[in-house]
Amino acid sequence: MRDHKIEIFVKGTPLALSYSDPEKEVKPGDRVQWSCDSHDYAIQFANAKSPFDPPVLSLSKAAKTLTDRYTVRARKGRGKDPHKYTVAVHVNDPSPILTDDPIIIVDDE
């Protein structure tokens, strides 16, 4: 079991989102958490498809606040299984909300 922290960054002109790992590969039993030091943020998993046990479909946190750690659920020999999610970050200027769609890849091989 490993702990993974995905950091969300807001930078550039125009402003855009980037990540410490935009295509994070995890194994069943690993734990994942997010952070964004500069702005409030929210995460929503697409198609009600959460990789965690128990399922977590959405969460939100204030800037400089880590999410809880979420445990990747066990699977049975399905290889690599990508889970798309949306990140929304509240910024003040020029656009009130930035969004992006990174993925978590669960690999049980």
N, C-alpha and C. Protein backbone atom coordinates (compact mmCIF):
# COMPACT_ATOMS: atom_id res chain seq x y z
N MET A 1 0.84 -1.17 0.00
CA MET A 1 0.00 0.00 0.00
C MET A 1 0.89 1.24 0.00
N ARG A 2 0.58 2.18 -0.90
CA ARG A 2 1.31 3.44 -0.99
C ARG A 2 0.34 4.60 -0.87
N ASP A 3 0.83 5.71 -0.34
CA ASP A 3 0.06 6.94 -0.31
C ASP A 3 0.49 7.82 -1.47
N HIS A 4 -0.51 8.40 -2.16
CA HIS A 4 -0.25 9.28 -3.30
C HIS A 4 -0.91 10.62 -3.03
N LYS A 5 -0.19 11.70 -3.29
CA LYS A 5 -0.74 13.04 -3.17
C LYS A 5 -0.69 13.69 -4.54
N ILE A 6 -1.86 14.08 -5.04
CA ILE A 6 -1.95 14.77 -6.32
C ILE A 6 -2.11 16.25 -6.03
N GLU A 7 -1.13 17.05 -6.43
CA GLU A 7 -1.18 18.48 -6.21
C GLU A 7 -1.75 19.17 -7.45
N ILE A 8 -2.64 20.12 -7.21
CA ILE A 8 -3.27 20.90 -8.27
C ILE A 8 -2.63 22.28 -8.27
N PHE A 9 -2.20 22.72 -9.46
CA PHE A 9 -1.55 24.03 -9.59
C PHE A 9 -2.34 24.91 -10.56
N VAL A 10 -2.40 26.21 -10.28
CA VAL A 10 -3.00 27.20 -11.17
C VAL A 10 -1.86 28.11 -11.61
N LYS A 11 -1.60 28.14 -12.93
CA LYS A 11 -0.49 28.98 -13.40
C LYS A 11 -0.66 29.31 -14.87
N GLY A 12 0.15 30.25 -15.33
CA GLY A 12 0.18 30.59 -16.74
C GLY A 12 -0.66 31.80 -17.09
N THR A 13 -0.50 32.24 -18.34
CA THR A 13 -1.31 33.31 -18.91
C THR A 13 -1.77 32.84 -20.28
N PRO A 14 -3.03 32.55 -20.50
CA PRO A 14 -4.10 32.62 -19.51
C PRO A 14 -3.94 31.52 -18.45
N LEU A 15 -4.64 31.67 -17.35
CA LEU A 15 -4.56 30.70 -16.27
C LEU A 15 -5.00 29.32 -16.73
N ALA A 16 -4.31 28.31 -16.27
CA ALA A 16 -4.64 26.92 -16.60
C ALA A 16 -4.28 26.04 -15.41
N LEU A 17 -4.88 24.85 -15.38
CA LEU A 17 -4.59 23.88 -14.33
C LEU A 17 -3.48 22.94 -14.77
N SER A 18 -2.65 22.57 -13.83
CA SER A 18 -1.67 21.51 -14.05
C SER A 18 -1.57 20.70 -12.77
N TYR A 19 -0.88 19.56 -12.83
CA TYR A 19 -0.89 18.62 -11.72
C TYR A 19 0.50 18.05 -11.49
N SER A 20 0.72 17.61 -10.28
CA SER A 20 1.97 16.92 -10.00
C SER A 20 2.03 15.61 -10.77
N ASP A 21 0.86 15.03 -11.09
CA ASP A 21 0.79 13.79 -11.86
C ASP A 21 -0.58 13.68 -12.52
N PRO A 22 -0.74 14.16 -13.76
CA PRO A 22 -2.06 14.19 -14.41
C PRO A 22 -2.62 12.82 -14.80
N GLU A 23 -1.78 11.80 -14.87
CA GLU A 23 -2.23 10.44 -15.16
C GLU A 23 -1.66 9.50 -14.11
N LYS A 24 -2.14 9.66 -12.89
CA LYS A 24 -1.63 8.91 -11.74
C LYS A 24 -1.99 7.44 -11.87
N GLU A 25 -0.98 6.56 -11.77
CA GLU A 25 -1.22 5.11 -11.74
C GLU A 25 -1.16 4.65 -10.29
N VAL A 26 -2.19 3.91 -9.88
CA VAL A 26 -2.29 3.41 -8.51
C VAL A 26 -2.62 1.93 -8.53
N LYS A 27 -2.42 1.29 -7.41
CA LYS A 27 -2.74 -0.13 -7.24
C LYS A 27 -3.87 -0.27 -6.21
N PRO A 28 -4.65 -1.36 -6.28
CA PRO A 28 -5.64 -1.60 -5.23
C PRO A 28 -4.98 -1.57 -3.85
N GLY A 29 -5.64 -0.92 -2.91
CA GLY A 29 -5.10 -0.77 -1.56
C GLY A 29 -4.32 0.51 -1.35
N ASP A 30 -3.85 1.15 -2.45
CA ASP A 30 -3.18 2.44 -2.32
C ASP A 30 -4.18 3.49 -1.85
N ARG A 31 -3.65 4.58 -1.31
CA ARG A 31 -4.51 5.67 -0.87
C ARG A 31 -4.13 6.94 -1.62
N VAL A 32 -5.16 7.72 -2.01
CA VAL A 32 -4.98 8.92 -2.82
C VAL A 32 -5.59 10.12 -2.11
N GLN A 33 -4.90 11.26 -2.17
CA GLN A 33 -5.47 12.51 -1.68
C GLN A 33 -5.01 13.65 -2.58
N TRP A 34 -5.75 14.77 -2.55
CA TRP A 34 -5.47 15.92 -3.38
C TRP A 34 -5.19 17.14 -2.52
N SER A 35 -4.53 18.13 -3.14
CA SER A 35 -4.33 19.43 -2.51
C SER A 35 -4.21 20.50 -3.58
N CYS A 36 -4.54 21.72 -3.19
CA CYS A 36 -4.33 22.90 -4.03
C CYS A 36 -3.99 24.05 -3.08
N ASP A 37 -2.75 24.50 -3.11
CA ASP A 37 -2.31 25.52 -2.16
C ASP A 37 -2.87 26.91 -2.44
N SER A 38 -3.25 27.17 -3.69
CA SER A 38 -3.59 28.55 -4.05
C SER A 38 -5.07 28.89 -4.08
N HIS A 39 -5.94 27.89 -4.28
CA HIS A 39 -7.37 28.19 -4.48
C HIS A 39 -8.25 27.07 -3.93
N ASP A 40 -9.53 27.40 -3.68
CA ASP A 40 -10.52 26.38 -3.34
C ASP A 40 -10.72 25.47 -4.54
N TYR A 41 -11.04 24.18 -4.29
CA TYR A 41 -11.15 23.24 -5.40
C TYR A 41 -12.21 22.17 -5.12
N ALA A 42 -12.66 21.54 -6.20
CA ALA A 42 -13.63 20.45 -6.12
C ALA A 42 -13.25 19.37 -7.12
N ILE A 43 -13.64 18.13 -6.80
CA ILE A 43 -13.36 16.99 -7.67
C ILE A 43 -14.63 16.18 -7.83
N GLN A 44 -14.93 15.78 -9.07
CA GLN A 44 -16.13 15.00 -9.37
C GLN A 44 -15.73 13.87 -10.31
N PHE A 45 -16.05 12.62 -9.92
CA PHE A 45 -15.74 11.49 -10.79
C PHE A 45 -16.82 11.32 -11.85
N ALA A 46 -16.39 11.06 -13.08
CA ALA A 46 -17.28 10.95 -14.22
C ALA A 46 -18.10 9.65 -14.18
N ASN A 47 -19.29 9.73 -14.68
CA ASN A 47 -20.17 8.57 -14.88
C ASN A 47 -20.39 7.76 -13.59
N ALA A 48 -20.39 8.45 -12.46
CA ALA A 48 -20.59 7.79 -11.16
C ALA A 48 -19.66 6.59 -11.00
N LYS A 49 -18.43 6.72 -11.51
CA LYS A 49 -17.46 5.63 -11.49
C LYS A 49 -16.29 6.00 -10.59
N SER A 50 -16.38 5.66 -9.34
CA SER A 50 -15.33 5.97 -8.38
C SER A 50 -14.39 4.79 -8.23
N PRO A 51 -13.07 5.05 -8.16
CA PRO A 51 -12.13 3.95 -7.96
C PRO A 51 -11.92 3.59 -6.48
N PHE A 52 -12.69 4.21 -5.60
CA PHE A 52 -12.44 4.06 -4.16
C PHE A 52 -13.46 3.19 -3.45
N ASP A 53 -13.04 2.67 -2.32
CA ASP A 53 -13.91 1.86 -1.46
C ASP A 53 -13.85 2.44 -0.05
N PRO A 54 -14.96 2.98 0.44
CA PRO A 54 -16.26 3.13 -0.21
C PRO A 54 -16.20 4.18 -1.33
N PRO A 55 -17.17 4.12 -2.27
CA PRO A 55 -17.15 5.05 -3.40
C PRO A 55 -17.24 6.51 -2.95
N VAL A 56 -16.43 7.34 -3.56
CA VAL A 56 -16.47 8.78 -3.34
C VAL A 56 -16.64 9.40 -4.72
N LEU A 57 -17.78 10.05 -4.96
CA LEU A 57 -18.05 10.60 -6.28
C LEU A 57 -17.67 12.07 -6.40
N SER A 58 -17.75 12.82 -5.29
CA SER A 58 -17.37 14.23 -5.35
C SER A 58 -16.86 14.69 -3.99
N LEU A 59 -16.02 15.71 -4.03
CA LEU A 59 -15.49 16.30 -2.81
C LEU A 59 -15.04 17.71 -3.11
N SER A 60 -14.93 18.53 -2.08
CA SER A 60 -14.43 19.88 -2.26
C SER A 60 -13.69 20.30 -0.99
N LYS A 61 -12.71 21.18 -1.18
CA LYS A 61 -11.88 21.64 -0.07
C LYS A 61 -11.47 23.09 -0.29
N ALA A 62 -11.15 23.75 0.80
CA ALA A 62 -10.61 25.10 0.74
C ALA A 62 -9.13 25.03 0.35
N ALA A 63 -8.62 26.15 -0.14
CA ALA A 63 -7.19 26.24 -0.47
C ALA A 63 -6.35 25.84 0.73
N LYS A 64 -5.22 25.23 0.45
CA LYS A 64 -4.25 24.79 1.47
C LYS A 64 -4.81 23.72 2.41
N THR A 65 -5.86 23.01 1.95
CA THR A 65 -6.46 21.95 2.75
C THR A 65 -6.39 20.64 1.97
N LEU A 66 -5.78 19.62 2.56
CA LEU A 66 -5.72 18.30 1.92
C LEU A 66 -7.07 17.61 2.03
N THR A 67 -7.41 16.82 1.03
CA THR A 67 -8.58 15.95 1.16
C THR A 67 -8.23 14.81 2.11
N ASP A 68 -9.23 14.05 2.49
CA ASP A 68 -8.98 12.80 3.19
C ASP A 68 -8.20 11.90 2.25
N ARG A 69 -7.67 10.81 2.78
CA ARG A 69 -7.05 9.78 1.93
C ARG A 69 -8.14 8.78 1.57
N TYR A 70 -8.23 8.46 0.29
CA TYR A 70 -9.24 7.52 -0.20
C TYR A 70 -8.55 6.25 -0.69
N THR A 71 -9.04 5.11 -0.24
CA THR A 71 -8.43 3.82 -0.55
C THR A 71 -8.96 3.27 -1.87
N VAL A 72 -8.03 2.91 -2.77
CA VAL A 72 -8.39 2.33 -4.07
C VAL A 72 -8.96 0.93 -3.84
N ARG A 73 -10.11 0.68 -4.42
CA ARG A 73 -10.79 -0.60 -4.18
C ARG A 73 -10.09 -1.75 -4.90
N ALA A 74 -10.26 -2.93 -4.33
CA ALA A 74 -9.71 -4.14 -4.94
C ALA A 74 -10.52 -4.50 -6.18
N ARG A 75 -9.83 -5.03 -7.15
CA ARG A 75 -10.46 -5.48 -8.40
C ARG A 75 -9.92 -6.86 -8.72
N LYS A 76 -10.51 -7.51 -9.69
CA LYS A 76 -10.08 -8.88 -10.02
C LYS A 76 -9.54 -8.95 -11.44
N GLY A 77 -8.22 -8.78 -11.57
CA GLY A 77 -7.52 -9.04 -12.83
C GLY A 77 -8.04 -8.34 -14.04
N ARG A 78 -8.37 -7.06 -13.94
CA ARG A 78 -8.89 -6.36 -15.10
C ARG A 78 -7.83 -5.49 -15.77
N GLY A 79 -6.59 -5.59 -15.35
CA GLY A 79 -5.54 -4.78 -15.96
C GLY A 79 -5.66 -3.32 -15.59
N LYS A 80 -5.38 -2.45 -16.55
CA LYS A 80 -5.43 -1.01 -16.30
C LYS A 80 -6.84 -0.49 -16.55
N ASP A 81 -7.36 0.23 -15.55
CA ASP A 81 -8.73 0.75 -15.60
C ASP A 81 -8.69 2.25 -15.33
N PRO A 82 -8.85 3.09 -16.40
CA PRO A 82 -8.79 4.54 -16.20
C PRO A 82 -10.09 5.08 -15.60
N HIS A 83 -9.96 6.03 -14.70
CA HIS A 83 -11.10 6.70 -14.08
C HIS A 83 -10.95 8.20 -14.33
N LYS A 84 -11.81 8.73 -15.19
CA LYS A 84 -11.78 10.15 -15.50
C LYS A 84 -12.48 10.93 -14.38
N TYR A 85 -11.91 12.07 -14.03
CA TYR A 85 -12.57 12.94 -13.06
C TYR A 85 -12.37 14.40 -13.48
N THR A 86 -13.23 15.26 -12.97
CA THR A 86 -13.15 16.68 -13.27
C THR A 86 -12.65 17.42 -12.05
N VAL A 87 -11.71 18.31 -12.27
CA VAL A 87 -11.22 19.21 -11.23
C VAL A 87 -11.75 20.60 -11.56
N ALA A 88 -12.34 21.26 -10.57
CA ALA A 88 -12.79 22.64 -10.72
C ALA A 88 -12.11 23.47 -9.63
N VAL A 89 -11.49 24.57 -10.04
CA VAL A 89 -10.78 25.44 -9.11
C VAL A 89 -11.37 26.84 -9.21
N HIS A 90 -11.73 27.39 -8.07
CA HIS A 90 -12.29 28.74 -8.03
C HIS A 90 -11.18 29.77 -8.01
N VAL A 91 -11.13 30.60 -9.06
CA VAL A 91 -10.17 31.69 -9.12
C VAL A 91 -10.94 32.99 -9.31
N ASN A 92 -10.31 34.10 -9.05
CA ASN A 92 -11.03 35.37 -9.11
C ASN A 92 -10.90 36.10 -10.43
N ASP A 93 -9.80 35.88 -11.16
CA ASP A 93 -9.57 36.69 -12.34
C ASP A 93 -8.81 35.89 -13.38
N PRO A 94 -9.13 35.87 -14.63
CA PRO A 94 -10.24 36.54 -15.29
C PRO A 94 -11.52 35.71 -15.29
N SER A 95 -11.40 34.40 -15.15
CA SER A 95 -12.56 33.51 -15.16
C SER A 95 -12.80 33.01 -13.74
N PRO A 96 -14.04 32.91 -13.30
CA PRO A 96 -14.27 32.51 -11.91
C PRO A 96 -13.95 31.04 -11.61
N ILE A 97 -14.05 30.15 -12.60
CA ILE A 97 -13.79 28.73 -12.36
C ILE A 97 -12.99 28.14 -13.51
N LEU A 98 -11.92 27.45 -13.18
CA LEU A 98 -11.14 26.69 -14.17
C LEU A 98 -11.48 25.22 -14.00
N THR A 99 -11.62 24.49 -15.11
CA THR A 99 -11.89 23.06 -15.04
C THR A 99 -10.93 22.29 -15.93
N ASP A 100 -10.76 21.01 -15.59
CA ASP A 100 -9.90 20.13 -16.37
C ASP A 100 -10.31 18.69 -16.06
N ASP A 101 -9.89 17.75 -16.91
CA ASP A 101 -10.30 16.35 -16.77
C ASP A 101 -9.10 15.40 -16.77
N PRO A 102 -8.37 15.29 -15.66
CA PRO A 102 -7.29 14.30 -15.57
C PRO A 102 -7.85 12.91 -15.32
N ILE A 103 -6.98 11.92 -15.15
CA ILE A 103 -7.43 10.55 -14.88
C ILE A 103 -6.57 9.90 -13.79
N ILE A 104 -7.19 8.92 -13.14
CA ILE A 104 -6.48 7.99 -12.26
C ILE A 104 -6.55 6.64 -12.94
N ILE A 105 -5.43 5.96 -13.06
CA ILE A 105 -5.40 4.64 -13.69
C ILE A 105 -5.17 3.60 -12.60
N VAL A 106 -6.15 2.72 -12.41
CA VAL A 106 -6.00 1.64 -11.44
C VAL A 106 -5.41 0.44 -12.18
N ASP A 107 -4.26 -0.02 -11.72
CA ASP A 107 -3.55 -1.11 -12.37
C ASP A 107 -3.39 -2.24 -11.37
N ASP A 108 -4.08 -3.36 -11.62
CA ASP A 108 -3.98 -4.48 -10.67
C ASP A 108 -3.12 -5.61 -11.21
N GLU A 109 -2.30 -5.32 -12.21
CA GLU A 109 -1.42 -6.35 -12.77
C GLU A 109 -0.17 -6.49 -11.95
